[in-house]
């Protein structure tokens, strides 16, 4: 489980900042703030997702038949029955990404570029070569919707798949808490291993 969490934390590629209220975030018409695993799974499958792998609240789906331009996979993570994150990965195809951005603006309105210092600057995501690294929408906290172009692909095996486009639905407070617990567990594991190696180093 810790490897799954570490991967999703790495691939989220998010800078969190306070969000303004603008409505509930849904996926497959399921309200994510209160979603349960079975309901979201059934809705994803009904929309065309095909389950590839499942383990302790973590599911990976083939998303190529869902209908989103360039969608490859969808990963969903629940922690103790609570929704934490769902992340679409798209092939890095400029034409498909442009189409996806236009669809996002049509549904959610204009996104904003999220800066390291927490500020959000308006950006026209409908432009063919928009700078979106990452872009966010004003969704009711603690939920976040984040589009990232040129996201580093942590599962890359060659320079050909080094980058991917990502769309993430995140419960910010639960994500941050899980991130903290994962880091603490990793430190504890390292201490145990170091003690076990004793005087070897």
Protein backbone atom coordinates (compact mmCIF):
# COMPACT_ATOMS: atom_id res chain seq x y z
CA UNK A 1 0.00 0.00 0.00
CA UNK A 2 2.82 2.43 0.82
CA UNK A 3 4.24 2.08 -2.70
CA UNK A 4 0.80 2.82 -4.18
CA UNK A 5 0.40 5.92 -2.02
CA UNK A 6 3.93 7.09 -2.85
CA UNK A 7 3.22 6.68 -6.56
CA UNK A 8 -0.06 8.60 -6.44
CA UNK A 9 1.55 11.34 -4.37
CA UNK A 10 4.34 11.60 -6.94
CA UNK A 11 2.03 11.52 -9.93
CA UNK A 12 -0.46 14.01 -8.53
CA UNK A 13 2.02 16.81 -9.22
CA UNK A 14 -0.04 19.23 -7.16
CA UNK A 15 0.64 22.46 -5.31
CA UNK A 16 -2.14 22.89 -2.80
CA UNK A 17 -3.66 26.28 -1.97
CA UNK A 18 -6.94 27.39 -0.44
CA UNK A 19 -9.81 26.98 -2.89
CA UNK A 20 -12.82 29.21 -3.33
CA UNK A 21 -16.25 27.62 -3.25
CA UNK A 22 -17.94 26.81 -6.55
CA UNK A 23 -19.88 23.57 -6.16
CA UNK A 24 -19.36 19.88 -5.50
CA UNK A 25 -16.86 17.90 -7.55
CA UNK A 26 -18.23 14.78 -9.21
CA UNK A 27 -16.87 11.97 -11.36
CA UNK A 28 -19.27 9.73 -13.33
CA UNK A 29 -22.06 11.70 -11.58
CA UNK A 30 -20.83 10.48 -8.18
CA UNK A 31 -20.16 13.21 -5.60
CA UNK A 32 -16.53 12.58 -4.67
CA UNK A 33 -16.53 14.17 -1.22
CA UNK A 34 -18.90 11.46 0.04
CA UNK A 35 -18.19 8.70 -2.51
CA UNK A 36 -17.80 5.08 -1.48
CA UNK A 37 -15.63 2.59 -3.34
CA UNK A 38 -18.40 0.37 -4.70
CA UNK A 39 -20.52 3.24 -6.04
CA UNK A 40 -17.61 4.92 -7.81
CA UNK A 41 -16.35 1.58 -9.18
CA UNK A 42 -19.77 0.66 -10.58
CA UNK A 43 -20.18 4.10 -12.14
CA UNK A 44 -16.70 3.92 -13.73
CA UNK A 45 -17.39 0.48 -15.22
CA UNK A 46 -20.78 1.65 -16.51
CA UNK A 47 -19.00 4.55 -18.26
CA UNK A 48 -16.63 2.17 -20.07
CA UNK A 49 -13.69 1.79 -17.67
CA UNK A 50 -12.16 -1.69 -17.45
CA UNK A 51 -10.57 -2.74 -14.14
CA UNK A 52 -6.93 -3.75 -14.59
CA UNK A 53 -5.72 -4.03 -10.99
CA UNK A 54 -7.22 -3.70 -7.52
CA UNK A 55 -5.59 -3.74 -4.08
CA UNK A 56 -6.70 -2.30 -0.71
CA UNK A 57 -8.59 0.78 -1.86
CA UNK A 58 -6.42 1.30 -4.93
CA UNK A 59 -7.83 0.56 -8.38
CA UNK A 60 -6.34 1.02 -11.84
CA UNK A 61 -8.64 1.10 -14.85
CA UNK A 62 -8.09 1.07 -18.59
CA UNK A 63 -9.79 4.38 -19.48
CA UNK A 64 -9.35 4.18 -23.26
CA UNK A 65 -13.06 3.44 -23.83
CA UNK A 66 -14.47 6.14 -21.55
CA UNK A 67 -14.53 8.69 -24.38
CA UNK A 68 -12.15 11.35 -23.05
CA UNK A 69 -9.64 12.39 -25.74
CA UNK A 70 -6.37 10.50 -25.27
CA UNK A 71 -7.34 8.89 -21.94
CA UNK A 72 -5.22 5.85 -21.10
CA UNK A 73 -5.68 4.99 -17.43
CA UNK A 74 -7.66 6.08 -14.39
CA UNK A 75 -6.29 5.42 -10.91
CA UNK A 76 -8.51 5.75 -7.86
CA UNK A 77 -7.40 5.66 -4.23
CA UNK A 78 -9.57 5.34 -1.13
CA UNK A 79 -8.09 5.40 2.36
CA UNK A 80 -10.10 3.69 5.11
CA UNK A 81 -13.18 3.90 2.89
CA UNK A 82 -12.77 7.62 2.13
CA UNK A 83 -12.09 9.02 -1.33
CA UNK A 84 -8.61 10.55 -1.62
CA UNK A 85 -7.74 10.90 -5.32
CA UNK A 86 -8.70 9.88 -8.83
CA UNK A 87 -6.15 10.61 -11.55
CA UNK A 88 -6.58 10.21 -15.29
CA UNK A 89 -3.39 9.76 -17.33
CA UNK A 90 -3.53 10.75 -20.99
CA UNK A 91 -1.07 10.06 -23.78
CA UNK A 92 0.86 13.23 -24.50
CA UNK A 93 -0.77 14.14 -27.78
CA UNK A 94 -1.03 17.93 -28.42
CA UNK A 95 -4.19 17.60 -30.54
CA UNK A 96 -6.02 15.39 -28.01
CA UNK A 97 -4.82 17.54 -25.10
CA UNK A 98 -6.14 20.68 -26.80
CA UNK A 99 -9.51 18.99 -27.27
CA UNK A 100 -9.53 17.88 -23.62
CA UNK A 101 -8.75 21.41 -22.39
CA UNK A 102 -11.61 22.84 -24.44
CA UNK A 103 -13.97 20.25 -22.94
CA UNK A 104 -12.76 21.10 -19.42
CA UNK A 105 -13.43 24.81 -19.98
CA UNK A 106 -16.87 23.99 -21.45
CA UNK A 107 -17.78 22.03 -18.31
CA UNK A 108 -15.94 23.82 -15.48
CA UNK A 109 -15.21 27.29 -16.87
CA UNK A 110 -11.81 28.95 -17.11
CA UNK A 111 -8.97 27.36 -15.18
CA UNK A 112 -6.14 29.20 -13.46
CA UNK A 113 -2.43 28.45 -13.36
CA UNK A 114 -1.41 27.53 -9.80
CA UNK A 115 1.88 29.12 -8.71
CA UNK A 116 4.24 27.90 -5.98
CA UNK A 117 3.28 30.80 -3.72
CA UNK A 118 -0.42 29.85 -3.81
CA UNK A 119 -1.53 32.51 -6.29
CA UNK A 120 -3.68 31.54 -9.26
CA UNK A 121 -3.37 33.40 -12.55
CA UNK A 122 -6.04 33.30 -15.28
CA UNK A 123 -5.12 31.35 -18.42
CA UNK A 124 -6.95 30.70 -21.66
CA UNK A 125 -6.86 26.90 -21.73
CA UNK A 126 -8.66 26.83 -25.06
CA UNK A 127 -5.54 28.11 -26.86
CA UNK A 128 -3.73 25.40 -28.80
CA UNK A 129 -0.47 25.86 -26.89
CA UNK A 130 -1.73 26.98 -23.48
CA UNK A 131 0.67 26.91 -20.51
CA UNK A 132 -1.00 24.65 -17.95
CA UNK A 133 1.41 23.49 -15.30
CA UNK A 134 -0.81 22.94 -13.40
CA UNK A 135 -4.23 24.54 -13.90
CA UNK A 136 -6.94 24.48 -11.22
CA UNK A 137 -10.58 25.43 -10.84
CA UNK A 138 -12.43 26.99 -7.92
CA UNK A 139 -14.12 23.94 -6.44
CA UNK A 140 -15.68 23.75 -3.00
CA UNK A 141 -12.95 22.88 -0.46
CA UNK A 142 -11.47 20.45 0.39
CA UNK A 143 -11.85 19.18 -3.17
CA UNK A 144 -9.44 20.13 -5.97
CA UNK A 145 -9.60 19.60 -9.73
CA UNK A 146 -6.17 19.88 -11.36
CA UNK A 147 -5.07 19.61 -15.01
CA UNK A 148 -1.35 19.13 -15.58
CA UNK A 149 0.26 19.16 -19.00
CA UNK A 150 3.78 17.75 -19.29
CA UNK A 151 3.55 15.88 -16.00
CA UNK A 152 6.51 13.62 -15.27
CA UNK A 153 5.49 9.99 -15.76
CA UNK A 154 6.86 8.06 -12.75
CA UNK A 155 6.40 4.77 -14.60
CA UNK A 156 8.34 5.89 -17.66
CA UNK A 157 10.66 3.31 -19.20
CA UNK A 158 12.02 5.51 -22.01
CA UNK A 159 12.17 9.11 -23.16
CA UNK A 160 9.18 8.35 -25.44
CA UNK A 161 6.81 8.09 -22.46
CA UNK A 162 8.66 10.42 -20.09
CA UNK A 163 5.76 12.92 -19.99
CA UNK A 164 2.02 12.55 -19.73
CA UNK A 165 -1.02 14.75 -19.30
CA UNK A 166 -2.91 14.29 -16.05
CA UNK A 167 -6.33 15.27 -14.70
CA UNK A 168 -6.65 14.78 -10.94
CA UNK A 169 -9.67 14.91 -8.63
CA UNK A 170 -8.37 15.31 -5.08
CA UNK A 171 -9.69 15.58 -1.54
CA UNK A 172 -6.98 17.99 -0.40
CA UNK A 173 -7.30 17.45 3.35
CA UNK A 174 -7.31 13.63 3.12
CA UNK A 175 -4.50 13.69 0.54
CA UNK A 176 -2.34 15.86 2.81
CA UNK A 177 -3.05 13.63 5.81
CA UNK A 178 -2.23 10.47 3.84
CA UNK A 179 0.94 12.09 2.54
CA UNK A 180 2.00 12.86 6.14
CA UNK A 181 1.26 9.32 7.36
CA UNK A 182 3.08 7.79 4.38
CA UNK A 183 6.18 9.90 5.07
CA UNK A 184 6.13 8.93 8.77
CA UNK A 185 5.75 5.24 7.92
CA UNK A 186 8.67 5.45 5.48
CA UNK A 187 10.88 7.03 8.15
CA UNK A 188 9.91 4.32 10.64
CA UNK A 189 10.68 1.62 8.10
CA UNK A 190 14.08 3.16 7.40
CA UNK A 191 14.89 3.29 11.12
CA UNK A 192 13.93 -0.39 11.53
CA UNK A 193 16.09 -1.39 8.59
CA UNK A 194 19.02 0.68 9.84
CA UNK A 195 18.79 -1.00 13.27
CA UNK A 196 18.66 -4.42 11.59
CA UNK A 197 21.84 -3.71 9.66
CA UNK A 198 23.54 -2.83 12.93
CA UNK A 199 27.27 -2.21 12.53
CA UNK A 200 27.37 -3.05 8.82
CA UNK A 201 27.53 0.60 7.89
